[in-house]
Structures are given as C-alpha cells and as structure tokens.
Protein backbone atom coordinates (compact mmCIF):
# COMPACT_ATOMS: atom_id res chain seq x y z
CA UNK A 1 0.00 0.00 0.00
CA UNK A 2 0.85 3.70 -0.07
CA UNK A 3 2.38 5.40 2.97
CA UNK A 4 -0.26 7.55 4.71
CA UNK A 5 1.96 10.64 4.54
CA UNK A 6 1.78 10.75 0.73
CA UNK A 7 -1.51 8.94 0.14
CA UNK A 8 -3.47 12.05 -0.75
CA UNK A 9 -0.94 13.19 -3.35
CA UNK A 10 -0.74 9.74 -4.92
CA UNK A 11 -4.52 9.35 -5.05
CA UNK A 12 -4.85 12.62 -6.92
CA UNK A 13 -2.49 11.33 -9.60
CA UNK A 14 -4.01 7.84 -9.77
CA UNK A 15 -7.51 9.29 -10.18
CA UNK A 16 -6.48 11.81 -12.82
CA UNK A 17 -6.81 15.01 -10.80
CA UNK A 18 -3.49 16.24 -12.19
CA UNK A 19 -1.31 15.73 -15.23
CA UNK A 20 1.81 13.79 -14.12
CA UNK A 21 3.93 15.96 -16.43
CA UNK A 22 3.09 19.23 -14.67
CA UNK A 23 5.26 21.08 -12.16
CA UNK A 24 4.47 21.64 -8.50
CA UNK A 25 3.64 25.28 -9.20
CA UNK A 26 1.28 24.35 -12.04
CA UNK A 27 -0.53 21.87 -9.81
CA UNK A 28 -0.75 24.39 -6.98
CA UNK A 29 -2.31 26.92 -9.36
CA UNK A 30 -4.87 24.38 -10.57
CA UNK A 31 -5.62 23.32 -7.00
CA UNK A 32 -6.37 26.92 -6.07
CA UNK A 33 -8.64 27.32 -9.11
CA UNK A 34 -10.57 24.21 -8.11
CA UNK A 35 -10.91 25.39 -4.53
CA UNK A 36 -12.38 28.64 -5.77
CA UNK A 37 -14.71 26.76 -8.10
CA UNK A 38 -15.86 24.56 -5.23
CA UNK A 39 -16.48 27.63 -3.09
CA UNK A 40 -18.77 28.99 -5.81
CA UNK A 41 -20.63 25.68 -6.09
CA UNK A 42 -21.04 25.58 -2.33
CA UNK A 43 -22.34 29.14 -2.26
CA UNK A 44 -24.86 28.24 -4.98
CA UNK A 45 -26.10 25.30 -2.91
CA UNK A 46 -26.24 27.45 0.23
CA UNK A 47 -28.61 29.81 -1.56
CA UNK A 48 -30.93 26.85 -2.13
CA UNK A 49 -30.56 25.35 1.35
CA UNK A 50 -29.10 27.25 4.28
CA UNK A 51 -27.89 24.12 6.10
CA UNK A 52 -25.00 23.67 3.66
CA UNK A 53 -21.74 24.73 5.29
CA UNK A 54 -23.15 25.20 8.81
CA UNK A 55 -21.55 22.11 10.34
CA UNK A 56 -25.01 20.50 10.54
CA UNK A 57 -26.91 18.25 8.16
CA UNK A 58 -30.46 17.24 7.30
CA UNK A 59 -31.92 13.86 8.24
CA UNK A 60 -35.63 14.41 7.55
CA UNK A 61 -37.51 15.46 4.39
CA UNK A 62 -37.67 19.21 3.82
CA UNK A 63 -39.81 19.41 0.69
CA UNK A 64 -42.66 17.60 -1.05
CA UNK A 65 -42.75 16.36 -4.63
CA UNK A 66 -44.72 19.50 -5.47
CA UNK A 67 -42.06 21.81 -4.00
CA UNK A 68 -43.95 22.65 -0.81
CA UNK A 69 -41.83 22.98 2.36
CA UNK A 70 -42.42 20.25 4.94
CA UNK A 71 -42.97 21.62 8.41
CA UNK A 72 -42.01 19.39 11.36
CA UNK A 73 -43.96 19.37 14.61
CA UNK A 74 -42.16 22.40 16.02
CA UNK A 75 -43.26 24.56 13.09
CA UNK A 76 -39.85 25.01 11.46
CA UNK A 77 -39.43 24.29 7.77
CA UNK A 78 -36.45 21.92 7.93
CA UNK A 79 -34.88 19.36 10.23
CA UNK A 80 -31.17 18.98 10.88
CA UNK A 81 -29.23 16.45 12.89
CA UNK A 82 -29.32 18.79 15.91
CA UNK A 83 -31.01 22.17 15.69
CA UNK A 84 -34.12 22.43 13.49
CA UNK A 85 -34.04 26.20 13.61
CA UNK A 86 -30.84 26.39 11.57
CA UNK A 87 -32.67 25.96 8.29
CA UNK A 88 -35.76 28.11 8.71
CA UNK A 89 -37.10 30.00 5.74
CA UNK A 90 -36.28 33.66 6.28
CA UNK A 91 -38.20 36.59 4.87
CA UNK A 92 -35.18 37.20 2.67
CA UNK A 93 -34.43 34.09 0.61
CA UNK A 94 -31.25 34.52 -1.50
CA UNK A 95 -32.37 31.77 -3.84
CA UNK A 96 -35.61 33.59 -4.57
CA UNK A 97 -34.04 37.05 -4.84
CA UNK A 98 -30.86 36.13 -6.72
CA UNK A 99 -31.93 33.24 -8.92
CA UNK A 100 -35.52 33.99 -9.87
CA UNK A 101 -35.77 37.32 -11.71
CA UNK A 102 -38.57 38.21 -14.08
CA UNK A 103 -41.99 36.75 -14.73
CA UNK A 104 -40.70 33.19 -15.17
CA UNK A 105 -39.86 33.01 -11.47
CA UNK A 106 -38.77 29.60 -10.18
CA UNK A 107 -40.32 30.22 -6.79
CA UNK A 108 -43.71 31.50 -5.77
CA UNK A 109 -42.72 34.30 -3.38
CA UNK A 110 -45.99 34.24 -1.43
CA UNK A 111 -46.04 30.53 -0.65
CA UNK A 112 -42.28 29.85 -0.85
CA UNK A 113 -43.13 26.95 -3.11
CA UNK A 114 -40.24 25.90 -5.35
CA UNK A 115 -41.16 25.32 -9.00
CA UNK A 116 -37.80 24.28 -10.47
CA UNK A 117 -37.92 20.48 -10.80
CA UNK A 118 -34.13 20.11 -10.57
CA UNK A 119 -34.05 22.05 -7.32
CA UNK A 120 -36.94 19.99 -5.93
CA UNK A 121 -35.20 16.75 -6.88
CA UNK A 122 -31.98 17.92 -5.24
CA UNK A 123 -33.63 19.08 -2.02
CA UNK A 124 -35.51 15.78 -1.79
CA UNK A 125 -32.20 13.90 -1.66
CA UNK A 126 -30.69 15.95 1.19
CA UNK A 127 -32.24 13.95 4.00
CA UNK A 128 -31.40 10.67 2.23
CA UNK A 129 -27.76 11.75 2.16
CA UNK A 130 -27.99 12.67 5.84
CA UNK A 131 -29.39 9.28 6.83
CA UNK A 132 -26.56 7.53 4.95
CA UNK A 133 -23.94 9.83 6.48
CA UNK A 134 -25.06 8.79 9.98
CA UNK A 135 -24.51 5.13 9.04
CA UNK A 136 -21.22 5.56 7.17
CA UNK A 137 -18.04 4.39 8.94
CA UNK A 138 -19.69 5.07 12.28
CA UNK A 139 -17.06 2.94 14.07
CA UNK A 140 -14.28 5.34 13.08
CA UNK A 141 -13.24 7.98 15.59
CA UNK A 142 -13.18 10.59 12.81
CA UNK A 143 -16.96 10.46 12.47
CA UNK A 144 -17.63 10.86 16.17
CA UNK A 145 -17.43 14.55 15.29
CA UNK A 146 -20.67 16.02 13.90
CA UNK A 147 -18.56 18.56 12.06
CA UNK A 148 -16.83 15.78 10.12
CA UNK A 149 -20.16 14.11 9.40
CA UNK A 150 -21.43 17.44 8.08
CA UNK A 151 -18.32 17.76 5.92
CA UNK A 152 -19.16 14.44 4.27
CA UNK A 153 -22.77 15.56 3.85
CA UNK A 154 -21.71 18.85 2.26
CA UNK A 155 -19.48 17.13 -0.29
CA UNK A 156 -22.17 14.63 -1.26
CA UNK A 157 -24.92 17.26 -1.39
CA UNK A 158 -22.87 19.51 -3.64
CA UNK A 159 -21.90 16.60 -5.87
CA UNK A 160 -25.58 15.65 -6.19
CA UNK A 161 -26.28 19.17 -7.45
CA UNK A 162 -23.35 19.19 -9.88
CA UNK A 163 -24.12 15.75 -11.36
CA UNK A 164 -27.82 16.25 -11.98
CA UNK A 165 -28.04 13.21 -14.25
CA UNK A 166 -27.05 10.77 -11.50
CA UNK A 167 -27.60 12.88 -8.40
CA UNK A 168 -27.09 10.96 -5.17
CA UNK A 169 -27.44 7.20 -4.82
CA UNK A 170 -27.00 4.97 -1.80
CA UNK A 171 -23.41 3.74 -1.65
CA UNK A 172 -21.80 7.02 -2.66
CA UNK A 173 -21.20 7.89 1.01
CA UNK A 174 -19.04 4.77 1.36
CA UNK A 175 -16.94 5.86 -1.62
CA UNK A 176 -16.65 9.48 -0.51
CA UNK A 177 -15.89 8.86 3.17
CA UNK A 178 -12.18 7.97 2.73
CA UNK A 179 -11.68 11.15 0.67
CA UNK A 180 -13.15 13.31 3.44
CA UNK A 181 -10.93 11.59 6.00
CA UNK A 182 -7.83 11.83 3.85
CA UNK A 183 -8.04 15.45 2.69
CA UNK A 184 -8.14 18.20 5.28
CA UNK A 185 -9.43 20.65 2.68
CA UNK A 186 -13.06 19.94 1.79
CA UNK A 187 -12.62 21.15 -1.80
CA UNK A 188 -9.73 18.74 -2.39
CA UNK A 189 -11.87 15.89 -1.06
CA UNK A 190 -14.72 16.90 -3.38
CA UNK A 191 -12.59 16.92 -6.54
CA UNK A 192 -10.94 13.63 -5.69
CA UNK A 193 -14.39 12.10 -5.19
CA UNK A 194 -15.61 13.69 -8.43
CA UNK A 195 -12.76 12.00 -10.33
CA UNK A 196 -13.53 8.65 -8.72
CA UNK A 197 -17.14 9.03 -9.80
CA UNK A 198 -15.98 9.56 -13.38
CA UNK A 199 -14.93 5.91 -13.24
CA UNK A 200 -17.93 4.61 -11.35
CA UNK A 201 -20.93 6.78 -12.19
CA UNK A 202 -22.07 4.27 -14.83
CA UNK A 203 -22.62 1.77 -12.00
CA UNK A 204 -25.19 4.11 -10.47
CA UNK A 205 -27.10 4.67 -13.71
CA UNK A 206 -30.18 2.44 -13.65
CA UNK A 207 -33.41 2.16 -15.62
CA UNK A 208 -36.63 0.26 -15.09
CA UNK A 209 -35.20 -2.73 -16.93
CA UNK A 210 -31.51 -2.72 -15.99
CA UNK A 211 -29.06 -1.72 -13.28
CA UNK A 212 -25.84 0.16 -13.81
CA UNK A 213 -23.51 -2.69 -12.87
CA UNK A 214 -25.32 -5.19 -15.09
CA UNK A 215 -22.46 -5.39 -17.60
CA UNK A 216 -19.94 -6.13 -14.84
CA UNK A 217 -22.23 -8.77 -13.32
CA UNK A 218 -22.52 -10.38 -16.75
CA UNK A 219 -18.73 -10.46 -17.02
CA UNK A 220 -18.53 -11.93 -13.53
CA UNK A 221 -20.89 -14.74 -14.53
CA UNK A 222 -18.72 -15.46 -17.58
CA UNK A 223 -15.58 -15.61 -15.45
CA UNK A 224 -17.05 -17.91 -12.77
CA UNK A 225 -18.54 -20.13 -15.49
CA UNK A 226 -15.05 -20.48 -16.94
CA UNK A 227 -12.92 -20.95 -13.80
CA UNK A 228 -15.42 -22.67 -11.48
CA UNK A 229 -18.18 -24.27 -13.60
CA UNK A 230 -19.56 -26.30 -10.67
CA UNK A 231 -20.18 -23.18 -8.61
CA UNK A 232 -21.72 -21.37 -11.56
CA UNK A 233 -24.05 -24.27 -12.27
CA UNK A 234 -25.06 -24.41 -8.60
CA UNK A 235 -25.81 -20.69 -8.56
CA UNK A 236 -27.90 -21.01 -11.70
CA UNK A 237 -29.84 -23.83 -10.06
CA UNK A 238 -30.55 -21.46 -7.18
CA UNK A 239 -31.78 -18.87 -9.69
CA UNK A 240 -28.70 -16.74 -8.99
CA UNK A 241 -27.18 -16.86 -12.45
CA UNK A 242 -27.44 -13.08 -12.79
CA UNK A 243 -25.12 -12.68 -9.76
CA UNK A 244 -27.20 -9.88 -8.22
CA UNK A 245 -25.90 -10.96 -4.80
CA UNK A 246 -22.54 -9.45 -5.84
CA UNK A 247 -24.16 -6.07 -6.55
CA UNK A 248 -22.94 -4.42 -3.34
CA UNK A 249 -19.31 -5.43 -3.77
CA UNK A 250 -19.06 -3.71 -7.14
CA UNK A 251 -21.13 -0.69 -6.14
CA UNK A 252 -19.07 0.33 -3.10
CA UNK A 253 -15.79 -1.36 -4.08
CA UNK A 254 -15.59 -3.87 -1.23
CA UNK A 255 -16.15 -1.41 1.64
CA UNK A 256 -18.14 -4.11 3.51
CA UNK A 257 -16.02 -7.13 2.73
CA UNK A 258 -12.68 -5.76 3.93
CA UNK A 259 -11.47 -3.64 6.80
CA UNK A 260 -11.09 0.10 6.20
CA UNK A 261 -7.31 -0.19 5.80
CA UNK A 262 -7.49 -3.20 3.49
CA UNK A 263 -10.12 -1.45 1.37
CA UNK A 264 -7.75 1.45 0.77
CA UNK A 265 -5.03 -1.06 -0.18
CA UNK A 266 -7.40 -2.66 -2.70
CA UNK A 267 -8.42 0.67 -4.17
CA UNK A 268 -4.80 1.71 -4.64
CA UNK A 269 -3.99 -1.60 -6.27
CA UNK A 270 -6.92 -1.32 -8.69
CA UNK A 271 -6.19 2.30 -9.58
CA UNK A 272 -2.49 1.59 -10.08
CA UNK A 273 -3.10 -1.43 -12.30
CA UNK A 274 -5.66 0.47 -14.39
CA UNK A 275 -3.69 3.72 -14.45
CA UNK A 276 -3.31 5.71 -17.65
CA UNK A 277 -1.08 8.83 -17.51
CA UNK A 278 -3.50 10.50 -19.93
CA UNK A 279 -6.37 10.31 -17.44
CA UNK A 280 -6.20 14.03 -16.72
CA UNK A 281 -6.38 14.89 -20.42
CA UNK A 282 -9.16 12.35 -20.85
CA UNK A 283 -11.31 14.01 -18.23
CA UNK A 284 -10.57 17.54 -19.39
CA UNK A 285 -11.49 16.85 -23.01
CA UNK A 286 -15.18 16.98 -23.89
CA UNK A 287 -15.05 15.11 -27.23
CA UNK A 288 -15.43 11.35 -26.99
CA UNK A 289 -13.30 10.94 -30.12
CA UNK A 290 -10.54 12.93 -28.50
CA UNK A 291 -11.02 10.93 -25.30
CA UNK A 292 -10.34 7.66 -27.08
CA UNK A 293 -7.23 8.93 -28.86
CA UNK A 294 -5.96 10.39 -25.59
CA UNK A 295 -6.49 7.08 -23.81
CA UNK A 296 -4.64 5.12 -26.44
CA UNK A 297 -1.80 7.63 -26.52
CA UNK A 298 -0.91 6.52 -30.02
CA UNK A 299 0.07 3.17 -28.55
CA UNK A 300 3.76 4.13 -28.31
CA UNK A 301 6.10 2.11 -26.13
CA UNK A 302 6.94 5.03 -23.83
CA UNK A 303 3.28 5.61 -23.09
CA UNK A 304 2.62 1.91 -22.49
CA UNK A 305 5.48 1.70 -19.98
CA UNK A 306 3.82 4.40 -17.88
CA UNK A 307 0.46 2.61 -17.82
CA UNK A 308 -0.67 0.16 -15.17
CA UNK A 309 -0.64 -3.55 -15.97
CA UNK A 310 -4.34 -3.87 -16.78
CA UNK A 311 -4.43 -0.68 -18.84
CA UNK A 312 -1.32 -1.74 -20.72
CA UNK A 313 -2.93 -5.05 -21.64
CA UNK A 314 -6.05 -3.24 -22.78
CA UNK A 315 -4.09 -0.92 -25.09
CA UNK A 316 -2.12 -3.84 -26.50
CA UNK A 317 -5.29 -5.79 -27.22
CA UNK A 318 -7.67 -3.12 -28.49
CA UNK A 319 -10.87 -4.64 -29.82
CA UNK A 320 -10.71 -7.72 -27.57
CA UNK A 321 -13.56 -7.13 -25.15
CA UNK A 322 -12.20 -9.76 -22.78
CA UNK A 323 -9.24 -7.52 -22.04
CA UNK A 324 -11.45 -4.70 -20.74
CA UNK A 325 -12.74 -6.54 -17.67
CA UNK A 326 -11.82 -4.39 -14.64
CA UNK A 327 -9.82 -5.91 -11.84
CA UNK A 328 -12.73 -5.36 -9.43
CA UNK A 329 -14.69 -8.09 -11.24
CA UNK A 330 -11.83 -10.56 -10.79
CA UNK A 331 -11.67 -9.61 -7.11
CA UNK A 332 -15.34 -10.54 -6.73
CA UNK A 333 -14.62 -13.82 -8.50
CA UNK A 334 -11.76 -14.49 -6.07
CA UNK A 335 -14.09 -13.91 -3.10
CA UNK A 336 -16.65 -16.31 -4.55
CA UNK A 337 -13.88 -18.81 -5.21
CA UNK A 338 -12.82 -18.80 -1.55
CA UNK A 339 -16.40 -19.61 -0.55
CA UNK A 340 -17.08 -22.07 -3.37
CA UNK A 341 -16.99 -25.25 -1.26
CA UNK A 342 -19.20 -23.77 1.44
CA UNK A 343 -21.75 -22.54 -1.11
CA UNK A 344 -21.86 -25.90 -2.86
CA UNK A 345 -22.41 -27.64 0.46
CA UNK A 346 -24.64 -25.25 2.42
CA UNK A 347 -26.43 -22.93 -0.02
CA UNK A 348 -29.93 -24.19 -0.75
CA UNK A 349 -31.22 -20.81 -1.88
CA UNK A 350 -30.09 -17.28 -2.65
CA UNK A 351 -30.69 -16.28 0.96
CA UNK A 352 -28.02 -18.80 1.96
CA UNK A 353 -25.61 -17.33 -0.61
CA UNK A 354 -26.16 -13.83 0.77
CA UNK A 355 -25.75 -15.10 4.33
CA UNK A 356 -22.43 -16.80 3.52
CA UNK A 357 -21.12 -13.65 1.85
CA UNK A 358 -22.28 -11.46 4.74
CA UNK A 359 -20.31 -13.64 7.14
CA UNK A 360 -17.06 -12.55 5.54
CA UNK A 361 -17.65 -8.86 6.28
CA UNK A 362 -14.38 -7.33 7.45
CA UNK A 363 -12.67 -10.73 7.68
CA UNK A 364 -10.98 -11.12 4.29
CA UNK A 365 -7.28 -10.50 3.70
CA UNK A 366 -6.68 -8.01 0.91
CA UNK A 367 -3.30 -9.30 -0.28
CA UNK A 368 -4.57 -12.88 -0.41
CA UNK A 369 -7.66 -11.82 -2.36
CA UNK A 370 -5.51 -9.84 -4.81
CA UNK A 371 -3.21 -12.77 -5.49
CA UNK A 372 -6.19 -15.04 -6.10
CA UNK A 373 -7.77 -12.42 -8.38
CA UNK A 374 -4.64 -12.24 -10.53
CA UNK A 375 -4.52 -16.04 -10.76
CA UNK A 376 -8.15 -16.12 -11.88
CA UNK A 377 -7.52 -13.36 -14.40
CA UNK A 378 -4.59 -15.26 -15.91
CA UNK A 379 -6.53 -18.53 -16.00
CA UNK A 380 -9.58 -16.90 -17.52
CA UNK A 381 -7.76 -14.96 -20.24
CA UNK A 382 -5.63 -17.99 -21.11
CA UNK A 383 -8.74 -20.13 -21.48
CA UNK A 384 -10.63 -17.50 -23.46
CA UNK A 385 -7.60 -16.92 -25.69
CA UNK A 386 -7.34 -20.63 -26.40
CA UNK A 387 -11.02 -20.83 -27.29
CA UNK A 388 -10.73 -17.84 -29.61
CA UNK A 389 -7.74 -19.35 -31.41
CA UNK A 390 -9.69 -22.57 -31.96
CA UNK A 391 -12.51 -20.58 -33.53
C-alpha cells in the first residue's frame, strides 16, 4: 500500500486530478482554481438550502414532490441532525431574490413553493444523504465529530447538485468517506471524489429494466462459469445466475467485505493497475473521439510503460472485449472462489448465498484476495484466448 503521509498526493495522480507531467507550481495553481470553483458551487447550494456549510446536516424530508416545504412538529421548515431552527425559511431568501428574476420566477414568493424540478429533486435527496452519512463508517473515531459528518454531507450534497443526471445514490457515502478523512481541505476531497465518480458513475445509472452494474455482473458470470463451472451451475440452479448478490461489492468497491485499511489497499492496487497517464487529459477533453485517442496515446512504447498492468494489456489488445474486464470483477470472482466449497455444500437458496457472503464482512485479507484475483484473471484470459484461437 501507499504510505499515509503521501496517500493524498498519490490518489490525486491515480484518479487523474493532475497531469503527471506538470510542475508543483502548475498543480498548486490548478488546486487553487478548483478550490475557488468549489467555493462557488457551495455558495450556490447554500442559496438553495441554508444548512449547507453550517456544520449541521439534514436527516428528515424538507420538501414535497410539489415543492412545498415540509414543516415538522415544532413549526420550522427543515430538520437537521441537531437544531431544526438552523434551516428556517427567512423573509429574505437569497435563492428567490438572486436566482428567480422576471416573470418566469422559479419560486412562488408568497407561498415559498419551489417550482424548479431540478431544485426539488436535489432538495428531496438531502435527508437521504444525511441518513446515509449517519450510518457511514460510524465505528471510526473521525466520524464521532458532527462537524466531520457534516463535511461528508456537504461534499455529497454539492456533488448531487453538480451531477444532476445521477444525483445521489446509496453507496456514494461509502466511496466518498475515505476522501473526506484523507483530505483536510473539503474542496480537495470533493474533486478527488468527483474523479472517482468519473470511473464509477455508470454503476449508479439504472433504468426500469436494468441496473448500472449489469455489464460487470454479466462479465462476472462469464468468469465464474469459466474458472469454477460447478459453482456457476449451482448458482444457476438457485436462480442466482445473474449474480445480483454481488451487486454491493461492485457498487461500493468492497467497503463491507474488507477492513477500512485493506479497502484502501485494494483501491490503490486497482487504480495503479488500471492507471493511464492520460487520465487528466481524458477528463478535461469533452469530445469522446478525442477521449479515445488520448487514452490510447498513439500506442507508443513510452506511453505503455507508464500505464498500469491492466491498462497496458487493454491498449495492446484493443478490440478484444475480454481484455477490458476491470480488476474489481476478478476480485469478486476471487471472493466467490474462496467460498465455493461452502456454497456448494450449504447454499440451498439465494438467501443462503447472501448469508455466507455477509459472514465474511471485514474478515478477508486483501493481499490474499488480490493474489487469487490475478490467478483467476490469468486462468480466464488464457482459457478464453485458447477458445478464440480454436474458432
């Protein structure tokens, strides 16, 4: 793993916050720009909800689907984790005055009813974020402080406003929490989390007919079918062939299965193995065509040497979909592999499968799981490669 004293700096590079070819002064300048940008985003959110930035957070609904404020029993218009009066609607509402000029006003000034659907949607998630914050890493001393809990809530609330397409989904608090702990500056934590979500936001995109991680679960099924056909057949018999029981592992990147320290080790391993030095350029470019060319980096040897192992294999084998399976999927396969005998013997239904997997919470060894994942990856790709050559 990475030494704690430099972990924050390394994470920012691994997640593509900065170009590895920039100088310290260039990065410092960009960091300051981002902090100022975050301050503006935070101020925008504060104008919509006064609890943002107060060191408190909301744990009860504050608005209806129609945009009407919800008044708790004491007559205030919002509920925080401690003092309900912190978020009362004042006679002067900056959001009304500053953001709603002209006849097409977003807010009805007489009733304080909000008419902007995006604002309503955002405000309706605030208490959901608060409820998750209370449950996130509650055993850690860091979150014994309400101020630190509120810091996590602020980051997630502001992200939900920035990413209106995805908003906030359960599980994001588990991904954001280590960032808030690691970075003293809230803005730095936000941008690190925002870069992580660039990788993972597709997992949170769901429709009525599919879930965001469906493609990764399909790949997982293919891998287990190949390396442990008996287990796969047993799971299919139990009507678990879609591997939905592995949903949580992929959504929150093993936050439940491993200890806090081991989870960070796993994350760093995954990010390092999938690292591309052009990540920063990838994220800064808006054109998908440019994104692809930036990722491939013209395929030159110098560029490939600077890539992580998994990314290097991907660039060498462009067009082979089997090479694009993320390491996280192989890690899930390794966890299932360790419990294969128990599942074959004891699992008589999906509830038993879930129970067996829940029993491993916080008990797995990260290094052992990583070694097994790499073995499975090698076995799987070797077998798939052989089958493709035969065809």
